[in-house]
Amino acid sequence: MKIAFASKDGTNVNEHFGWCETFYLYEIDENNANLLKEIDSYQKYEAEVDKLEYKIDCVSEADMIYVTQIGPKAANMVKIAGIYPMKAASEEEKIEDVVAQLQKMIANPPLWLKRILLK
């Protein structure tokens, strides 16, 4: 499963989806987690829809995005693109902690995670 984390520093999930300039794309399974790449998502679009479409295109290979905030319009657009949006508990939530939690859940996934894993 591939997850794009919205982060200012590559350590914490501390960025709003629409304002994020860098996403960190990880591939995880039950035993491994690998940073695949940093995705530069900086843009200069004026129109909200253009901005959101660009951000979604940047993370299009992700199965899930993990952000501090995402607006309802953006969340709907992300879901339509086949990406599952998740909100961090706080801006101090560490990417490595989220990865560890997800890895534990993979063995006996809840329904929402099972849908992602079966894609």
N, C-alpha and C. Protein backbone atom coordinates (compact mmCIF):
# COMPACT_ATOMS: atom_id res chain seq x y z
N MET A 1 0.86 -1.16 0.00
CA MET A 1 0.00 0.00 0.00
C MET A 1 0.91 1.23 0.00
N LYS A 2 0.51 2.23 -0.77
CA LYS A 2 1.28 3.47 -0.84
C LYS A 2 0.53 4.59 -0.13
N ILE A 3 1.28 5.33 0.70
CA ILE A 3 0.70 6.41 1.48
C ILE A 3 1.51 7.68 1.26
N ALA A 4 0.82 8.78 0.96
CA ALA A 4 1.46 10.09 0.81
C ALA A 4 1.20 10.89 2.09
N PHE A 5 2.27 11.28 2.76
CA PHE A 5 2.18 12.07 3.98
C PHE A 5 2.43 13.54 3.67
N ALA A 6 1.55 14.41 4.15
CA ALA A 6 1.73 15.86 3.98
C ALA A 6 2.60 16.35 5.13
N SER A 7 3.80 16.82 4.79
CA SER A 7 4.75 17.17 5.84
C SER A 7 5.65 18.34 5.42
N LYS A 8 5.94 19.19 6.39
CA LYS A 8 6.89 20.29 6.17
C LYS A 8 8.32 19.82 6.38
N ASP A 9 8.50 18.75 7.17
CA ASP A 9 9.85 18.36 7.59
C ASP A 9 10.22 16.91 7.28
N GLY A 10 9.29 16.13 6.74
CA GLY A 10 9.58 14.73 6.44
C GLY A 10 9.56 13.82 7.65
N THR A 11 9.26 14.37 8.82
CA THR A 11 9.23 13.60 10.06
C THR A 11 7.83 13.52 10.65
N ASN A 12 7.12 14.65 10.63
CA ASN A 12 5.79 14.74 11.22
C ASN A 12 4.73 14.96 10.14
N VAL A 13 3.51 14.52 10.43
CA VAL A 13 2.37 14.83 9.57
C VAL A 13 1.89 16.20 10.04
N ASN A 14 2.32 17.25 9.35
CA ASN A 14 2.08 18.61 9.87
C ASN A 14 1.71 19.61 8.78
N GLU A 15 0.98 19.14 7.77
CA GLU A 15 0.62 20.05 6.68
C GLU A 15 -0.82 19.80 6.21
N HIS A 16 -1.48 20.88 5.87
CA HIS A 16 -2.83 20.87 5.30
C HIS A 16 -2.72 20.39 3.85
N PHE A 17 -3.66 19.58 3.40
CA PHE A 17 -3.60 19.05 2.03
C PHE A 17 -3.42 20.14 0.99
N GLY A 18 -4.27 21.15 1.03
CA GLY A 18 -4.24 22.20 0.01
C GLY A 18 -3.03 23.10 0.05
N TRP A 19 -2.35 23.16 1.20
CA TRP A 19 -1.18 24.03 1.34
C TRP A 19 0.14 23.28 1.26
N CYS A 20 0.07 21.97 1.20
CA CYS A 20 1.28 21.15 1.25
C CYS A 20 2.14 21.37 0.00
N GLU A 21 3.42 21.62 0.23
CA GLU A 21 4.36 21.79 -0.87
C GLU A 21 5.18 20.54 -1.13
N THR A 22 5.23 19.63 -0.15
CA THR A 22 5.96 18.37 -0.31
C THR A 22 5.20 17.23 0.35
N PHE A 23 4.95 16.19 -0.42
CA PHE A 23 4.38 14.95 0.10
C PHE A 23 5.50 13.91 0.13
N TYR A 24 5.47 13.05 1.13
CA TYR A 24 6.44 11.97 1.26
C TYR A 24 5.71 10.66 0.99
N LEU A 25 6.05 10.00 -0.11
CA LEU A 25 5.35 8.79 -0.53
C LEU A 25 6.08 7.56 -0.01
N TYR A 26 5.37 6.79 0.81
CA TYR A 26 5.90 5.55 1.38
C TYR A 26 5.14 4.37 0.81
N GLU A 27 5.84 3.25 0.70
CA GLU A 27 5.18 1.99 0.41
C GLU A 27 5.35 1.13 1.65
N ILE A 28 4.24 0.62 2.17
CA ILE A 28 4.33 -0.19 3.39
C ILE A 28 3.60 -1.51 3.20
N ASP A 29 4.09 -2.49 3.92
CA ASP A 29 3.37 -3.75 4.07
C ASP A 29 3.51 -4.13 5.54
N GLU A 30 3.14 -5.33 5.88
CA GLU A 30 3.13 -5.73 7.29
C GLU A 30 4.51 -5.65 7.95
N ASN A 31 5.57 -5.83 7.16
CA ASN A 31 6.91 -5.91 7.73
C ASN A 31 7.87 -4.81 7.30
N ASN A 32 7.56 -4.11 6.24
CA ASN A 32 8.50 -3.13 5.68
C ASN A 32 7.84 -1.80 5.41
N ALA A 33 8.65 -0.76 5.47
CA ALA A 33 8.21 0.59 5.10
C ALA A 33 9.37 1.26 4.38
N ASN A 34 9.11 1.73 3.17
CA ASN A 34 10.16 2.37 2.39
C ASN A 34 9.68 3.71 1.85
N LEU A 35 10.52 4.73 2.05
CA LEU A 35 10.25 6.03 1.44
C LEU A 35 10.58 5.89 -0.04
N LEU A 36 9.57 6.03 -0.88
CA LEU A 36 9.78 5.91 -2.33
C LEU A 36 10.30 7.21 -2.92
N LYS A 37 9.69 8.33 -2.49
CA LYS A 37 10.14 9.61 -3.04
C LYS A 37 9.48 10.77 -2.31
N GLU A 38 10.08 11.92 -2.49
CA GLU A 38 9.49 13.18 -2.06
C GLU A 38 8.82 13.78 -3.28
N ILE A 39 7.56 14.19 -3.12
CA ILE A 39 6.80 14.74 -4.25
C ILE A 39 6.68 16.24 -4.07
N ASP A 40 7.26 16.99 -5.00
CA ASP A 40 7.14 18.45 -4.97
C ASP A 40 5.76 18.81 -5.49
N SER A 41 4.94 19.40 -4.63
CA SER A 41 3.57 19.75 -5.03
C SER A 41 3.33 21.25 -4.97
N TYR A 42 4.43 22.02 -5.02
CA TYR A 42 4.28 23.48 -5.03
C TYR A 42 3.63 23.89 -6.35
N GLN A 43 2.72 24.84 -6.28
CA GLN A 43 2.04 25.30 -7.49
C GLN A 43 1.64 26.77 -7.34
N LYS A 44 1.27 27.37 -8.46
CA LYS A 44 0.90 28.80 -8.46
C LYS A 44 -0.50 29.03 -9.03
N TYR A 45 -1.34 28.02 -9.01
CA TYR A 45 -2.69 28.18 -9.55
C TYR A 45 -3.51 29.13 -8.69
N GLU A 46 -4.37 29.89 -9.32
CA GLU A 46 -5.25 30.83 -8.61
C GLU A 46 -6.57 30.17 -8.22
N ALA A 47 -7.17 29.45 -9.15
CA ALA A 47 -8.48 28.84 -8.93
C ALA A 47 -8.37 27.63 -7.99
N GLU A 48 -9.31 27.55 -7.05
CA GLU A 48 -9.29 26.47 -6.06
C GLU A 48 -9.33 25.09 -6.71
N VAL A 49 -10.20 24.90 -7.68
CA VAL A 49 -10.32 23.59 -8.32
C VAL A 49 -9.01 23.22 -9.02
N ASP A 50 -8.37 24.17 -9.68
CA ASP A 50 -7.09 23.90 -10.33
C ASP A 50 -6.04 23.48 -9.32
N LYS A 51 -5.99 24.17 -8.17
CA LYS A 51 -5.04 23.82 -7.11
C LYS A 51 -5.27 22.40 -6.63
N LEU A 52 -6.53 22.07 -6.35
CA LEU A 52 -6.85 20.75 -5.83
C LEU A 52 -6.56 19.65 -6.85
N GLU A 53 -6.92 19.89 -8.10
CA GLU A 53 -6.64 18.90 -9.14
C GLU A 53 -5.15 18.65 -9.27
N TYR A 54 -4.35 19.72 -9.16
CA TYR A 54 -2.90 19.57 -9.24
C TYR A 54 -2.38 18.74 -8.07
N LYS A 55 -2.83 19.04 -6.86
CA LYS A 55 -2.39 18.28 -5.68
C LYS A 55 -2.76 16.81 -5.82
N ILE A 56 -3.98 16.55 -6.26
CA ILE A 56 -4.43 15.17 -6.42
C ILE A 56 -3.59 14.45 -7.48
N ASP A 57 -3.28 15.14 -8.57
CA ASP A 57 -2.42 14.55 -9.59
C ASP A 57 -1.04 14.22 -9.02
N CYS A 58 -0.52 15.07 -8.15
CA CYS A 58 0.79 14.83 -7.54
C CYS A 58 0.82 13.54 -6.72
N VAL A 59 -0.29 13.22 -6.05
CA VAL A 59 -0.33 12.05 -5.17
C VAL A 59 -1.14 10.90 -5.79
N SER A 60 -1.32 10.92 -7.09
CA SER A 60 -2.21 9.97 -7.76
C SER A 60 -1.80 8.51 -7.59
N GLU A 61 -0.53 8.23 -7.35
CA GLU A 61 -0.14 6.83 -7.18
C GLU A 61 -0.34 6.33 -5.74
N ALA A 62 -0.76 7.22 -4.84
CA ALA A 62 -1.01 6.83 -3.45
C ALA A 62 -2.38 6.17 -3.30
N ASP A 63 -2.47 5.25 -2.36
CA ASP A 63 -3.74 4.64 -2.00
C ASP A 63 -4.41 5.44 -0.89
N MET A 64 -3.59 6.17 -0.13
CA MET A 64 -4.06 6.92 1.02
C MET A 64 -3.21 8.17 1.16
N ILE A 65 -3.83 9.26 1.65
CA ILE A 65 -3.06 10.44 2.02
C ILE A 65 -3.29 10.68 3.50
N TYR A 66 -2.28 11.17 4.17
CA TYR A 66 -2.34 11.46 5.60
C TYR A 66 -1.98 12.92 5.77
N VAL A 67 -2.92 13.71 6.30
CA VAL A 67 -2.78 15.17 6.39
C VAL A 67 -3.26 15.66 7.75
N THR A 68 -2.94 16.93 8.09
CA THR A 68 -3.49 17.49 9.32
C THR A 68 -4.91 17.98 9.10
N GLN A 69 -5.17 18.53 7.92
CA GLN A 69 -6.50 19.04 7.58
C GLN A 69 -6.75 18.83 6.09
N ILE A 70 -8.02 18.66 5.77
CA ILE A 70 -8.44 18.62 4.37
C ILE A 70 -9.88 19.11 4.33
N GLY A 71 -10.15 20.03 3.44
CA GLY A 71 -11.51 20.57 3.33
C GLY A 71 -12.46 19.55 2.74
N PRO A 72 -13.76 19.76 2.93
CA PRO A 72 -14.75 18.79 2.42
C PRO A 72 -14.72 18.64 0.90
N LYS A 73 -14.53 19.73 0.19
CA LYS A 73 -14.47 19.66 -1.28
C LYS A 73 -13.25 18.85 -1.72
N ALA A 74 -12.10 19.14 -1.10
CA ALA A 74 -10.87 18.42 -1.43
C ALA A 74 -10.99 16.94 -1.06
N ALA A 75 -11.57 16.65 0.10
CA ALA A 75 -11.73 15.26 0.53
C ALA A 75 -12.59 14.49 -0.46
N ASN A 76 -13.65 15.11 -0.93
CA ASN A 76 -14.52 14.47 -1.91
C ASN A 76 -13.77 14.22 -3.22
N MET A 77 -13.01 15.21 -3.68
CA MET A 77 -12.25 15.05 -4.92
C MET A 77 -11.20 13.94 -4.79
N VAL A 78 -10.56 13.88 -3.62
CA VAL A 78 -9.55 12.85 -3.36
C VAL A 78 -10.20 11.46 -3.39
N LYS A 79 -11.35 11.34 -2.74
CA LYS A 79 -12.05 10.04 -2.73
C LYS A 79 -12.46 9.62 -4.14
N ILE A 80 -12.96 10.57 -4.93
CA ILE A 80 -13.35 10.27 -6.31
C ILE A 80 -12.14 9.77 -7.11
N ALA A 81 -10.95 10.28 -6.79
CA ALA A 81 -9.72 9.86 -7.46
C ALA A 81 -9.24 8.49 -6.97
N GLY A 82 -9.95 7.90 -6.00
CA GLY A 82 -9.58 6.57 -5.50
C GLY A 82 -8.54 6.58 -4.41
N ILE A 83 -8.38 7.72 -3.75
CA ILE A 83 -7.40 7.86 -2.67
C ILE A 83 -8.17 8.07 -1.37
N TYR A 84 -7.76 7.38 -0.31
CA TYR A 84 -8.45 7.46 0.98
C TYR A 84 -7.80 8.54 1.84
N PRO A 85 -8.52 9.62 2.19
CA PRO A 85 -7.92 10.68 3.02
C PRO A 85 -8.02 10.35 4.51
N MET A 86 -6.93 10.59 5.24
CA MET A 86 -6.89 10.39 6.69
C MET A 86 -6.34 11.66 7.34
N LYS A 87 -6.89 12.01 8.51
CA LYS A 87 -6.41 13.18 9.25
C LYS A 87 -5.55 12.73 10.42
N ALA A 88 -4.43 13.40 10.61
CA ALA A 88 -3.54 13.13 11.74
C ALA A 88 -4.20 13.58 13.03
N ALA A 89 -3.81 12.95 14.13
CA ALA A 89 -4.33 13.31 15.44
C ALA A 89 -3.85 14.70 15.85
N SER A 90 -2.63 15.06 15.44
CA SER A 90 -2.07 16.37 15.76
C SER A 90 -0.92 16.65 14.80
N GLU A 91 -0.40 17.88 14.85
CA GLU A 91 0.75 18.23 14.00
C GLU A 91 2.05 17.62 14.51
N GLU A 92 2.01 17.03 15.70
CA GLU A 92 3.20 16.37 16.24
C GLU A 92 3.21 14.87 15.93
N GLU A 93 2.17 14.37 15.26
CA GLU A 93 2.12 12.95 14.96
C GLU A 93 3.24 12.60 13.97
N LYS A 94 4.07 11.66 14.35
CA LYS A 94 5.22 11.28 13.54
C LYS A 94 4.82 10.29 12.45
N ILE A 95 5.42 10.48 11.28
CA ILE A 95 5.17 9.58 10.16
C ILE A 95 5.49 8.14 10.56
N GLU A 96 6.61 7.93 11.25
CA GLU A 96 7.01 6.57 11.63
C GLU A 96 5.99 5.92 12.56
N ASP A 97 5.33 6.72 13.41
CA ASP A 97 4.30 6.17 14.30
C ASP A 97 3.06 5.77 13.52
N VAL A 98 2.67 6.59 12.55
CA VAL A 98 1.52 6.26 11.71
C VAL A 98 1.80 4.98 10.93
N VAL A 99 3.00 4.88 10.37
CA VAL A 99 3.39 3.69 9.61
C VAL A 99 3.31 2.45 10.51
N ALA A 100 3.85 2.55 11.73
CA ALA A 100 3.83 1.41 12.66
C ALA A 100 2.39 1.00 13.00
N GLN A 101 1.52 1.98 13.21
CA GLN A 101 0.11 1.68 13.52
C GLN A 101 -0.56 0.96 12.34
N LEU A 102 -0.31 1.46 11.14
CA LEU A 102 -0.91 0.83 9.96
C LEU A 102 -0.37 -0.58 9.74
N GLN A 103 0.92 -0.77 9.99
CA GLN A 103 1.50 -2.10 9.83
C GLN A 103 0.86 -3.10 10.79
N LYS A 104 0.57 -2.67 12.01
CA LYS A 104 -0.10 -3.55 12.97
C LYS A 104 -1.51 -3.91 12.50
N MET A 105 -2.18 -2.96 11.87
CA MET A 105 -3.56 -3.19 11.42
C MET A 105 -3.63 -4.09 10.18
N ILE A 106 -2.56 -4.16 9.40
CA ILE A 106 -2.59 -4.93 8.16
C ILE A 106 -2.88 -6.41 8.42
N ALA A 107 -2.39 -6.96 9.53
CA ALA A 107 -2.60 -8.37 9.83
C ALA A 107 -4.09 -8.71 9.99
N ASN A 108 -4.85 -7.80 10.58
CA ASN A 108 -6.29 -7.99 10.78
C ASN A 108 -6.97 -6.65 10.48
N PRO A 109 -7.04 -6.29 9.20
CA PRO A 109 -7.47 -4.93 8.85
C PRO A 109 -8.96 -4.68 9.07
N PRO A 110 -9.28 -3.46 9.54
CA PRO A 110 -10.68 -3.06 9.57
C PRO A 110 -11.17 -2.93 8.12
N LEU A 111 -12.48 -2.87 7.94
CA LEU A 111 -13.06 -2.88 6.60
C LEU A 111 -12.51 -1.78 5.70
N TRP A 112 -12.36 -0.55 6.23
CA TRP A 112 -11.86 0.55 5.41
C TRP A 112 -10.46 0.26 4.89
N LEU A 113 -9.61 -0.37 5.72
CA LEU A 113 -8.25 -0.68 5.30
C LEU A 113 -8.24 -1.89 4.35
N LYS A 114 -9.11 -2.84 4.59
CA LYS A 114 -9.21 -4.01 3.71
C LYS A 114 -9.54 -3.57 2.29
N ARG A 115 -10.42 -2.59 2.15
CA ARG A 115 -10.77 -2.08 0.82
C ARG A 115 -9.55 -1.50 0.10
N ILE A 116 -8.71 -0.81 0.85
CA ILE A 116 -7.50 -0.23 0.27
C ILE A 116 -6.53 -1.34 -0.14
N LEU A 117 -6.35 -2.31 0.74
CA LEU A 117 -5.40 -3.39 0.47
C LEU A 117 -5.82 -4.27 -0.71
N LEU A 118 -7.12 -4.35 -0.97
CA LEU A 118 -7.62 -5.19 -2.06
C LEU A 118 -7.70 -4.47 -3.40
N LYS A 119 -7.31 -3.20 -3.44
CA LYS A 119 -7.36 -2.43 -4.70
C LYS A 119 -6.44 -3.04 -5.73
